Amino acid sequence: MEKHTPLEECTNTLLRNPDKVHEWLNIVDKYMQTYAKDKSLVLLPKAHEFLMPLIQAYATHLEGFIDYILELRDHYDRGSHQFEKTQSLYRRINGRYVQQQRRERIGRAVARAEELHGEIPFTDRIKWMADLEHIWAQRRLAFLEEQRLRLKLARLSTELRTEYLLEFWDIIDTEIYEGRIPSWN
């Protein structure tokens, strides 16, 4: 008989209990955040101890957890209650992840601008950040439209859009790293 890792056993339990997946993944999400801050604070009720391998695996890897949720979601029929509930959870957690990335990226841009252009008053820095994020948003929309037209599609699929967004943000990250960002004024 094949021996499974604790994470595989946890996944198998989730898959065998489709009506509990949404509830259990919400519990995992809640405890992951605590575990990432201080794992000694995480004490699961006996009924949820089987979730600990999932918490440990993804507490500091939110992107991996998002992929995990999508893998589980894709085990269900698209119109099913389980698919919809898991998709809803995915959107919430992915939204949080996108916001974390956004804050981290603008933080790197500000730090790089300070290296290149010196300090700036707080209110001017806030305006600069808002202007830069607006520029990025316009460029992001244009980039996605360019890809859609290049591929001659009416609209980009979710998978293609995700792929192109990763490519776009990689371009922005490179620009920040290389110091190709606007000056303060």
N, C-alpha and C. Protein backbone atom coordinates (compact mmCIF):
# COMPACT_ATOMS: atom_id res chain seq x y z
N MET A 1 0.84 -1.19 0.00
CA MET A 1 0.00 0.00 0.00
C MET A 1 0.88 1.24 0.00
N GLU A 2 0.53 2.20 -0.84
CA GLU A 2 1.30 3.43 -1.00
C GLU A 2 1.07 4.35 0.20
N LYS A 3 2.16 4.87 0.75
CA LYS A 3 2.07 5.80 1.88
C LYS A 3 1.99 7.22 1.35
N HIS A 4 1.05 7.98 1.87
CA HIS A 4 0.85 9.36 1.45
C HIS A 4 1.48 10.31 2.46
N THR A 5 1.92 11.47 1.97
CA THR A 5 2.42 12.51 2.86
C THR A 5 1.23 13.09 3.63
N PRO A 6 1.50 13.74 4.75
CA PRO A 6 0.39 14.38 5.48
C PRO A 6 -0.38 15.38 4.61
N LEU A 7 0.31 16.10 3.74
CA LEU A 7 -0.38 17.05 2.86
C LEU A 7 -1.28 16.31 1.87
N GLU A 8 -0.81 15.21 1.31
CA GLU A 8 -1.64 14.42 0.40
C GLU A 8 -2.85 13.84 1.12
N GLU A 9 -2.65 13.40 2.36
CA GLU A 9 -3.78 12.87 3.14
C GLU A 9 -4.80 13.96 3.42
N CYS A 10 -4.31 15.16 3.72
CA CYS A 10 -5.21 16.30 3.94
C CYS A 10 -6.01 16.60 2.67
N THR A 11 -5.33 16.63 1.54
CA THR A 11 -5.99 16.88 0.27
C THR A 11 -7.04 15.81 -0.03
N ASN A 12 -6.69 14.56 0.21
CA ASN A 12 -7.65 13.47 -0.02
C ASN A 12 -8.88 13.63 0.87
N THR A 13 -8.68 14.04 2.12
CA THR A 13 -9.81 14.27 3.02
C THR A 13 -10.70 15.39 2.49
N LEU A 14 -10.08 16.46 2.01
CA LEU A 14 -10.84 17.56 1.43
C LEU A 14 -11.66 17.09 0.24
N LEU A 15 -11.04 16.33 -0.64
CA LEU A 15 -11.73 15.87 -1.85
C LEU A 15 -12.86 14.88 -1.54
N ARG A 16 -12.70 14.12 -0.47
CA ARG A 16 -13.76 13.16 -0.09
C ARG A 16 -14.95 13.85 0.60
N ASN A 17 -14.78 15.12 0.96
CA ASN A 17 -15.83 15.85 1.68
C ASN A 17 -16.14 17.17 0.99
N PRO A 18 -16.68 17.11 -0.22
CA PRO A 18 -16.87 18.33 -1.01
C PRO A 18 -17.75 19.38 -0.33
N ASP A 19 -18.68 18.94 0.51
CA ASP A 19 -19.56 19.91 1.16
C ASP A 19 -18.88 20.67 2.30
N LYS A 20 -17.70 20.20 2.72
CA LYS A 20 -16.97 20.85 3.81
C LYS A 20 -15.75 21.64 3.31
N VAL A 21 -15.41 21.51 2.03
CA VAL A 21 -14.19 22.12 1.51
C VAL A 21 -14.14 23.62 1.76
N HIS A 22 -15.20 24.33 1.45
CA HIS A 22 -15.22 25.78 1.62
C HIS A 22 -14.97 26.15 3.09
N GLU A 23 -15.68 25.50 3.99
CA GLU A 23 -15.53 25.76 5.43
C GLU A 23 -14.09 25.47 5.87
N TRP A 24 -13.56 24.34 5.47
CA TRP A 24 -12.22 23.94 5.91
C TRP A 24 -11.14 24.85 5.32
N LEU A 25 -11.30 25.26 4.06
CA LEU A 25 -10.30 26.16 3.47
C LEU A 25 -10.35 27.54 4.12
N ASN A 26 -11.52 27.98 4.54
CA ASN A 26 -11.63 29.23 5.30
C ASN A 26 -10.87 29.12 6.62
N ILE A 27 -11.01 27.98 7.27
CA ILE A 27 -10.28 27.74 8.53
C ILE A 27 -8.78 27.77 8.27
N VAL A 28 -8.36 27.10 7.21
CA VAL A 28 -6.93 27.09 6.86
C VAL A 28 -6.44 28.52 6.63
N ASP A 29 -7.19 29.30 5.88
CA ASP A 29 -6.79 30.67 5.59
C ASP A 29 -6.63 31.47 6.88
N LYS A 30 -7.59 31.35 7.78
CA LYS A 30 -7.54 32.07 9.05
C LYS A 30 -6.29 31.67 9.85
N TYR A 31 -6.06 30.39 9.96
CA TYR A 31 -4.93 29.91 10.77
C TYR A 31 -3.59 30.16 10.08
N MET A 32 -3.56 30.18 8.76
CA MET A 32 -2.30 30.45 8.04
C MET A 32 -1.77 31.82 8.42
N GLN A 33 -2.65 32.79 8.50
CA GLN A 33 -2.22 34.15 8.83
C GLN A 33 -1.62 34.20 10.23
N THR A 34 -2.23 33.50 11.17
CA THR A 34 -1.70 33.44 12.54
C THR A 34 -0.39 32.68 12.55
N TYR A 35 -0.34 31.55 11.86
CA TYR A 35 0.85 30.70 11.82
C TYR A 35 2.04 31.47 11.24
N ALA A 36 1.80 32.28 10.23
CA ALA A 36 2.88 33.05 9.61
C ALA A 36 3.47 34.06 10.60
N LYS A 37 2.63 34.58 11.49
CA LYS A 37 3.10 35.56 12.49
C LYS A 37 3.80 34.87 13.65
N ASP A 38 3.18 33.78 14.17
CA ASP A 38 3.75 33.06 15.31
C ASP A 38 3.10 31.68 15.38
N LYS A 39 3.83 30.68 14.90
CA LYS A 39 3.24 29.34 14.82
C LYS A 39 2.87 28.76 16.18
N SER A 40 3.49 29.26 17.25
CA SER A 40 3.16 28.74 18.58
C SER A 40 1.75 29.13 19.01
N LEU A 41 1.16 30.11 18.35
CA LEU A 41 -0.20 30.55 18.69
C LEU A 41 -1.29 29.68 18.04
N VAL A 42 -0.90 28.79 17.13
CA VAL A 42 -1.88 27.99 16.40
C VAL A 42 -2.14 26.68 17.14
N LEU A 43 -3.37 26.58 17.65
CA LEU A 43 -3.82 25.37 18.31
C LEU A 43 -5.17 25.02 17.70
N LEU A 44 -5.15 24.02 16.83
CA LEU A 44 -6.37 23.64 16.11
C LEU A 44 -7.25 22.74 16.98
N PRO A 45 -8.56 22.90 16.85
CA PRO A 45 -9.45 21.93 17.51
C PRO A 45 -9.18 20.54 16.93
N LYS A 46 -9.42 19.53 17.72
CA LYS A 46 -9.15 18.14 17.32
C LYS A 46 -9.73 17.82 15.93
N ALA A 47 -10.93 18.28 15.67
CA ALA A 47 -11.61 17.98 14.40
C ALA A 47 -10.90 18.60 13.19
N HIS A 48 -10.04 19.58 13.44
CA HIS A 48 -9.37 20.27 12.33
C HIS A 48 -7.86 20.03 12.29
N GLU A 49 -7.36 19.17 13.15
CA GLU A 49 -5.91 18.92 13.19
C GLU A 49 -5.37 18.41 11.85
N PHE A 50 -6.21 17.70 11.09
CA PHE A 50 -5.76 17.17 9.79
C PHE A 50 -5.39 18.29 8.82
N LEU A 51 -5.83 19.54 9.09
CA LEU A 51 -5.54 20.68 8.21
C LEU A 51 -4.14 21.27 8.43
N MET A 52 -3.48 20.88 9.51
CA MET A 52 -2.18 21.47 9.84
C MET A 52 -1.15 21.35 8.71
N PRO A 53 -1.02 20.24 8.00
CA PRO A 53 -0.04 20.19 6.90
C PRO A 53 -0.30 21.26 5.83
N LEU A 54 -1.56 21.56 5.58
CA LEU A 54 -1.92 22.59 4.61
C LEU A 54 -1.54 23.97 5.15
N ILE A 55 -1.80 24.21 6.41
CA ILE A 55 -1.43 25.48 7.05
C ILE A 55 0.08 25.67 7.00
N GLN A 56 0.81 24.64 7.36
CA GLN A 56 2.28 24.71 7.37
C GLN A 56 2.85 24.91 5.97
N ALA A 57 2.25 24.26 5.00
CA ALA A 57 2.77 24.32 3.63
C ALA A 57 2.59 25.71 3.00
N TYR A 58 1.50 26.39 3.35
CA TYR A 58 1.18 27.63 2.62
C TYR A 58 1.12 28.89 3.48
N ALA A 59 1.46 28.81 4.75
CA ALA A 59 1.38 29.97 5.64
C ALA A 59 2.19 31.15 5.12
N THR A 60 3.31 30.87 4.49
CA THR A 60 4.15 31.95 3.97
C THR A 60 4.23 31.90 2.45
N HIS A 61 3.29 31.22 1.84
CA HIS A 61 3.29 31.08 0.39
C HIS A 61 1.85 31.21 -0.14
N LEU A 62 1.32 32.44 -0.04
CA LEU A 62 -0.07 32.67 -0.41
C LEU A 62 -0.35 32.33 -1.87
N GLU A 63 0.61 32.61 -2.75
CA GLU A 63 0.42 32.28 -4.16
C GLU A 63 0.25 30.77 -4.35
N GLY A 64 1.01 29.98 -3.62
CA GLY A 64 0.87 28.53 -3.68
C GLY A 64 -0.49 28.07 -3.18
N PHE A 65 -0.98 28.72 -2.12
CA PHE A 65 -2.30 28.38 -1.59
C PHE A 65 -3.39 28.70 -2.61
N ILE A 66 -3.23 29.80 -3.31
CA ILE A 66 -4.19 30.16 -4.36
C ILE A 66 -4.21 29.09 -5.44
N ASP A 67 -3.04 28.64 -5.86
CA ASP A 67 -2.97 27.56 -6.85
C ASP A 67 -3.62 26.28 -6.32
N TYR A 68 -3.40 26.00 -5.05
CA TYR A 68 -3.98 24.82 -4.41
C TYR A 68 -5.52 24.89 -4.46
N ILE A 69 -6.05 26.07 -4.12
CA ILE A 69 -7.51 26.27 -4.15
C ILE A 69 -8.05 26.02 -5.56
N LEU A 70 -7.34 26.54 -6.57
CA LEU A 70 -7.78 26.33 -7.96
C LEU A 70 -7.77 24.85 -8.33
N GLU A 71 -6.75 24.13 -7.87
CA GLU A 71 -6.69 22.68 -8.13
C GLU A 71 -7.89 21.98 -7.53
N LEU A 72 -8.22 22.33 -6.28
CA LEU A 72 -9.41 21.72 -5.65
C LEU A 72 -10.68 22.10 -6.40
N ARG A 73 -10.79 23.40 -6.71
CA ARG A 73 -11.98 23.89 -7.41
C ARG A 73 -12.22 23.12 -8.70
N ASP A 74 -11.15 22.84 -9.41
CA ASP A 74 -11.26 22.19 -10.71
C ASP A 74 -11.65 20.72 -10.63
N HIS A 75 -11.76 20.18 -9.42
CA HIS A 75 -12.27 18.81 -9.25
C HIS A 75 -13.80 18.78 -9.31
N TYR A 76 -14.42 19.95 -9.26
CA TYR A 76 -15.88 20.04 -9.23
C TYR A 76 -16.43 20.49 -10.57
N ASP A 77 -17.67 20.11 -10.82
CA ASP A 77 -18.35 20.57 -12.03
C ASP A 77 -18.53 22.08 -11.95
N ARG A 78 -18.36 22.73 -13.09
CA ARG A 78 -18.36 24.20 -13.15
C ARG A 78 -19.61 24.85 -12.54
N GLY A 79 -20.75 24.28 -12.69
CA GLY A 79 -21.96 24.88 -12.16
C GLY A 79 -22.33 24.43 -10.76
N SER A 80 -21.53 23.58 -10.17
CA SER A 80 -21.88 23.01 -8.86
C SER A 80 -21.72 24.03 -7.73
N HIS A 81 -22.40 23.74 -6.64
CA HIS A 81 -22.32 24.57 -5.44
C HIS A 81 -20.87 24.61 -4.93
N GLN A 82 -20.19 23.46 -4.94
CA GLN A 82 -18.81 23.39 -4.47
C GLN A 82 -17.88 24.26 -5.32
N PHE A 83 -18.08 24.21 -6.63
CA PHE A 83 -17.25 25.03 -7.52
C PHE A 83 -17.46 26.51 -7.20
N GLU A 84 -18.73 26.92 -7.08
CA GLU A 84 -19.04 28.33 -6.82
C GLU A 84 -18.47 28.80 -5.49
N LYS A 85 -18.61 28.00 -4.45
CA LYS A 85 -18.10 28.38 -3.12
C LYS A 85 -16.57 28.45 -3.13
N THR A 86 -15.94 27.50 -3.80
CA THR A 86 -14.48 27.49 -3.86
C THR A 86 -13.98 28.65 -4.72
N GLN A 87 -14.69 28.97 -5.78
CA GLN A 87 -14.34 30.11 -6.63
C GLN A 87 -14.46 31.41 -5.85
N SER A 88 -15.48 31.53 -5.04
CA SER A 88 -15.68 32.71 -4.21
C SER A 88 -14.51 32.89 -3.23
N LEU A 89 -14.10 31.81 -2.62
CA LEU A 89 -12.96 31.84 -1.71
C LEU A 89 -11.68 32.22 -2.47
N TYR A 90 -11.50 31.63 -3.64
CA TYR A 90 -10.34 31.96 -4.48
C TYR A 90 -10.31 33.46 -4.77
N ARG A 91 -11.43 34.04 -5.17
CA ARG A 91 -11.45 35.47 -5.50
C ARG A 91 -11.07 36.32 -4.30
N ARG A 92 -11.57 35.98 -3.12
CA ARG A 92 -11.27 36.74 -1.91
C ARG A 92 -9.78 36.67 -1.57
N ILE A 93 -9.24 35.47 -1.57
CA ILE A 93 -7.84 35.30 -1.20
C ILE A 93 -6.92 35.86 -2.28
N ASN A 94 -7.28 35.67 -3.54
CA ASN A 94 -6.48 36.23 -4.63
C ASN A 94 -6.49 37.76 -4.57
N GLY A 95 -7.63 38.34 -4.23
CA GLY A 95 -7.71 39.79 -4.08
C GLY A 95 -6.77 40.29 -3.01
N ARG A 96 -6.71 39.58 -1.90
CA ARG A 96 -5.77 39.94 -0.83
C ARG A 96 -4.32 39.83 -1.31
N TYR A 97 -4.03 38.78 -2.06
CA TYR A 97 -2.69 38.57 -2.59
C TYR A 97 -2.29 39.69 -3.56
N VAL A 98 -3.22 40.06 -4.43
CA VAL A 98 -2.96 41.14 -5.39
C VAL A 98 -2.67 42.44 -4.65
N GLN A 99 -3.43 42.71 -3.60
CA GLN A 99 -3.20 43.93 -2.81
C GLN A 99 -1.85 43.89 -2.11
N GLN A 100 -1.45 42.73 -1.60
CA GLN A 100 -0.13 42.59 -0.98
C GLN A 100 0.97 42.88 -2.00
N GLN A 101 0.82 42.31 -3.19
CA GLN A 101 1.79 42.55 -4.25
C GLN A 101 1.84 44.02 -4.62
N ARG A 102 0.68 44.64 -4.71
CA ARG A 102 0.58 46.05 -5.08
C ARG A 102 1.32 46.91 -4.05
N ARG A 103 1.06 46.68 -2.77
CA ARG A 103 1.73 47.46 -1.72
C ARG A 103 3.24 47.23 -1.75
N GLU A 104 3.65 45.99 -1.95
CA GLU A 104 5.07 45.67 -1.99
C GLU A 104 5.75 46.34 -3.19
N ARG A 105 5.08 46.31 -4.33
CA ARG A 105 5.64 46.89 -5.56
C ARG A 105 5.77 48.41 -5.44
N ILE A 106 4.74 49.08 -4.95
CA ILE A 106 4.81 50.54 -4.83
C ILE A 106 5.84 50.91 -3.76
N GLY A 107 5.98 50.08 -2.74
CA GLY A 107 7.01 50.31 -1.72
C GLY A 107 8.41 50.25 -2.32
N ARG A 108 8.63 49.27 -3.20
CA ARG A 108 9.93 49.18 -3.89
C ARG A 108 10.16 50.37 -4.80
N ALA A 109 9.09 50.83 -5.46
CA ALA A 109 9.22 52.00 -6.36
C ALA A 109 9.57 53.25 -5.55
N VAL A 110 8.94 53.44 -4.40
CA VAL A 110 9.24 54.60 -3.56
C VAL A 110 10.68 54.53 -3.07
N ALA A 111 11.10 53.35 -2.60
CA ALA A 111 12.48 53.20 -2.12
C ALA A 111 13.48 53.51 -3.24
N ARG A 112 13.19 53.03 -4.43
CA ARG A 112 14.09 53.28 -5.57
C ARG A 112 14.10 54.76 -5.93
N ALA A 113 12.94 55.41 -5.91
CA ALA A 113 12.86 56.84 -6.21
C ALA A 113 13.65 57.65 -5.17
N GLU A 114 13.57 57.23 -3.91
CA GLU A 114 14.34 57.93 -2.87
C GLU A 114 15.84 57.77 -3.11
N GLU A 115 16.26 56.57 -3.54
CA GLU A 115 17.68 56.35 -3.87
C GLU A 115 18.12 57.29 -5.00
N LEU A 116 17.26 57.41 -5.99
CA LEU A 116 17.61 58.18 -7.19
C LEU A 116 17.41 59.69 -7.03
N HIS A 117 16.36 60.08 -6.31
CA HIS A 117 15.96 61.49 -6.29
C HIS A 117 15.94 62.13 -4.91
N GLY A 118 16.29 61.36 -3.88
CA GLY A 118 16.29 61.90 -2.53
C GLY A 118 14.92 61.84 -1.88
N GLU A 119 14.85 62.39 -0.69
CA GLU A 119 13.60 62.39 0.10
C GLU A 119 12.58 63.36 -0.49
N ILE A 120 11.34 63.16 -0.13
CA ILE A 120 10.25 64.04 -0.58
C ILE A 120 9.23 64.12 0.55
N PRO A 121 8.55 65.25 0.70
CA PRO A 121 7.51 65.35 1.73
C PRO A 121 6.43 64.29 1.54
N PHE A 122 5.85 63.87 2.65
CA PHE A 122 4.87 62.80 2.67
C PHE A 122 3.72 63.03 1.69
N THR A 123 3.12 64.20 1.70
CA THR A 123 1.96 64.45 0.82
C THR A 123 2.35 64.37 -0.65
N ASP A 124 3.55 64.85 -0.99
CA ASP A 124 4.01 64.76 -2.38
C ASP A 124 4.28 63.30 -2.76
N ARG A 125 4.80 62.54 -1.81
CA ARG A 125 5.08 61.12 -2.07
C ARG A 125 3.77 60.37 -2.33
N ILE A 126 2.74 60.66 -1.54
CA ILE A 126 1.44 60.01 -1.71
C ILE A 126 0.87 60.32 -3.10
N LYS A 127 0.97 61.58 -3.51
CA LYS A 127 0.48 61.97 -4.84
C LYS A 127 1.28 61.24 -5.93
N TRP A 128 2.60 61.18 -5.77
CA TRP A 128 3.46 60.50 -6.74
C TRP A 128 3.07 59.02 -6.85
N MET A 129 2.80 58.39 -5.69
CA MET A 129 2.41 56.98 -5.69
C MET A 129 1.10 56.79 -6.45
N ALA A 130 0.13 57.65 -6.18
CA ALA A 130 -1.17 57.55 -6.86
C ALA A 130 -1.01 57.75 -8.36
N ASP A 131 -0.19 58.74 -8.75
CA ASP A 131 0.05 59.00 -10.17
C ASP A 131 0.73 57.80 -10.84
N LEU A 132 1.72 57.23 -10.15
CA LEU A 132 2.44 56.08 -10.72
C LEU A 132 1.51 54.88 -10.87
N GLU A 133 0.69 54.62 -9.87
CA GLU A 133 -0.25 53.50 -9.97
C GLU A 133 -1.27 53.74 -11.10
N HIS A 134 -1.64 54.98 -11.31
CA HIS A 134 -2.55 55.31 -12.43
C HIS A 134 -1.86 55.04 -13.77
N ILE A 135 -0.60 55.44 -13.88
CA ILE A 135 0.17 55.17 -15.10
C ILE A 135 0.25 53.67 -15.35
N TRP A 136 0.56 52.91 -14.29
CA TRP A 136 0.65 51.46 -14.43
C TRP A 136 -0.69 50.86 -14.85
N ALA A 137 -1.77 51.36 -14.29
CA ALA A 137 -3.10 50.84 -14.64
C ALA A 137 -3.40 51.08 -16.12
N GLN A 138 -3.08 52.29 -16.61
CA GLN A 138 -3.30 52.59 -18.03
C GLN A 138 -2.44 51.70 -18.91
N ARG A 139 -1.18 51.54 -18.53
CA ARG A 139 -0.28 50.68 -19.30
C ARG A 139 -0.74 49.23 -19.28
N ARG A 140 -1.25 48.77 -18.12
CA ARG A 140 -1.72 47.39 -18.00
C ARG A 140 -2.88 47.15 -18.95
N LEU A 141 -3.84 48.07 -18.97
CA LEU A 141 -4.98 47.93 -19.89
C LEU A 141 -4.53 47.92 -21.34
N ALA A 142 -3.62 48.81 -21.69
CA ALA A 142 -3.11 48.87 -23.07
C ALA A 142 -2.36 47.59 -23.43
N PHE A 143 -1.58 47.07 -22.49
CA PHE A 143 -0.82 45.84 -22.72
C PHE A 143 -1.77 44.67 -22.98
N LEU A 144 -2.81 44.53 -22.15
CA LEU A 144 -3.77 43.45 -22.34
C LEU A 144 -4.52 43.60 -23.67
N GLU A 145 -4.88 44.82 -24.01
CA GLU A 145 -5.57 45.07 -25.28
C GLU A 145 -4.66 44.72 -26.46
N GLU A 146 -3.40 45.07 -26.35
CA GLU A 146 -2.43 44.75 -27.40
C GLU A 146 -2.33 43.24 -27.60
N GLN A 147 -2.33 42.49 -26.50
CA GLN A 147 -2.25 41.03 -26.60
C GLN A 147 -3.51 40.46 -27.23
N ARG A 148 -4.67 41.01 -26.82
CA ARG A 148 -5.94 40.55 -27.38
C ARG A 148 -5.99 40.77 -28.88
N LEU A 149 -5.57 41.96 -29.31
CA LEU A 149 -5.57 42.27 -30.75
C LEU A 149 -4.56 41.41 -31.50
N ARG A 150 -3.39 41.23 -30.91
CA ARG A 150 -2.35 40.41 -31.55
C ARG A 150 -2.84 38.99 -31.79
N LEU A 151 -3.60 38.46 -30.83
CA LEU A 151 -4.12 37.10 -30.94
C LEU A 151 -5.45 37.03 -31.71
N LYS A 152 -5.98 38.21 -32.07
CA LYS A 152 -7.25 38.30 -32.80
C LYS A 152 -8.39 37.60 -32.04
N LEU A 153 -8.51 37.94 -30.74
CA LEU A 153 -9.55 37.36 -29.89
C LEU A 153 -10.56 38.42 -29.51
N ALA A 154 -11.80 38.00 -29.30
CA ALA A 154 -12.83 38.92 -28.83
C ALA A 154 -12.53 39.32 -27.38
N ARG A 155 -12.04 38.36 -26.61
CA ARG A 155 -11.63 38.63 -25.23
C ARG A 155 -10.58 37.59 -24.82
N LEU A 156 -9.75 37.97 -23.86
CA LEU A 156 -8.73 37.05 -23.36
C LEU A 156 -9.37 36.11 -22.33
N SER A 157 -9.02 34.84 -22.39
CA SER A 157 -9.50 33.89 -21.38
C SER A 157 -8.86 34.26 -20.04
N THR A 158 -9.43 33.77 -18.98
CA THR A 158 -8.88 34.02 -17.65
C THR A 158 -7.43 33.55 -17.57
N GLU A 159 -7.16 32.40 -18.16
CA GLU A 159 -5.80 31.84 -18.11
C GLU A 159 -4.82 32.73 -18.87
N LEU A 160 -5.22 33.17 -20.08
CA LEU A 160 -4.34 34.05 -20.87
C LEU A 160 -4.14 35.39 -20.17
N ARG A 161 -5.23 35.93 -19.64
CA ARG A 161 -5.15 37.21 -18.94
C ARG A 161 -4.18 37.12 -17.76
N THR A 162 -4.29 36.05 -16.99
CA THR A 162 -3.39 35.83 -15.85
C THR A 162 -1.95 35.75 -16.32
N GLU A 163 -1.72 35.00 -17.39
CA GLU A 163 -0.37 34.84 -17.94
C GLU A 163 0.20 36.19 -18.39
N TYR A 164 -0.61 36.98 -19.10
CA TYR A 164 -0.14 38.28 -19.58
C TYR A 164 0.04 39.29 -18.45
N LEU A 165 -0.78 39.19 -17.42
CA LEU A 165 -0.59 40.08 -16.27
C LEU A 165 0.73 39.77 -15.57
N LEU A 166 1.07 38.50 -15.46
CA LEU A 166 2.37 38.13 -14.87
C LEU A 166 3.50 38.73 -15.70
N GLU A 167 3.37 38.64 -17.01
CA GLU A 167 4.37 39.20 -17.91
C GLU A 167 4.46 40.72 -17.74
N PHE A 168 3.30 41.38 -17.68
CA PHE A 168 3.28 42.83 -17.53
C PHE A 168 3.95 43.26 -16.23
N TRP A 169 3.58 42.61 -15.12
CA TRP A 169 4.16 43.01 -13.83
C TRP A 169 5.64 42.69 -13.75
N ASP A 170 6.08 41.70 -14.48
CA ASP A 170 7.52 41.42 -14.57
C ASP A 170 8.24 42.59 -15.25
N ILE A 171 7.62 43.15 -16.27
CA ILE A 171 8.18 44.33 -16.96
C ILE A 171 8.28 45.50 -15.97
N ILE A 172 7.22 45.73 -15.21
CA ILE A 172 7.21 46.83 -14.23
C ILE A 172 8.27 46.59 -13.16
N ASP A 173 8.37 45.36 -12.66
CA ASP A 173 9.38 45.04 -11.64
C ASP A 173 10.79 45.31 -12.17
N THR A 174 11.04 44.98 -13.43
CA THR A 174 12.34 45.23 -14.04
C THR A 174 12.60 46.73 -14.13
N GLU A 175 11.59 47.49 -14.51
CA GLU A 175 11.75 48.95 -14.59
C GLU A 175 12.09 49.54 -13.23
N ILE A 176 11.43 49.05 -12.18
CA ILE A 176 11.73 49.55 -10.83
C ILE A 176 13.17 49.21 -10.47
N TYR A 177 13.54 47.97 -10.69
CA TYR A 177 14.90 47.52 -10.37
C TYR A 177 15.95 48.36 -11.11
N GLU A 178 15.68 48.66 -12.37
CA GLU A 178 16.63 49.42 -13.19
C GLU A 178 16.52 50.92 -12.96
N GLY A 179 15.57 51.35 -12.15
CA GLY A 179 15.43 52.78 -11.87
C GLY A 179 14.71 53.56 -12.95
N ARG A 180 13.99 52.86 -13.82
CA ARG A 180 13.24 53.53 -14.89
C ARG A 180 11.84 53.87 -14.38
N ILE A 181 11.83 54.82 -13.43
CA ILE A 181 10.58 55.29 -12.85
C ILE A 181 10.61 56.81 -12.88
N PRO A 182 9.44 57.45 -12.85
CA PRO A 182 9.42 58.91 -12.92
C PRO A 182 10.09 59.57 -11.72
N SER A 183 10.61 60.77 -11.93
CA SER A 183 11.14 61.53 -10.80
C SER A 183 9.96 62.03 -9.98
N TRP A 184 10.24 62.63 -8.85
CA TRP A 184 9.17 63.08 -7.94
C TRP A 184 8.24 64.10 -8.59
N ASN A 185 8.72 64.95 -9.50
CA ASN A 185 7.84 65.99 -10.05
C ASN A 185 7.25 65.61 -11.34
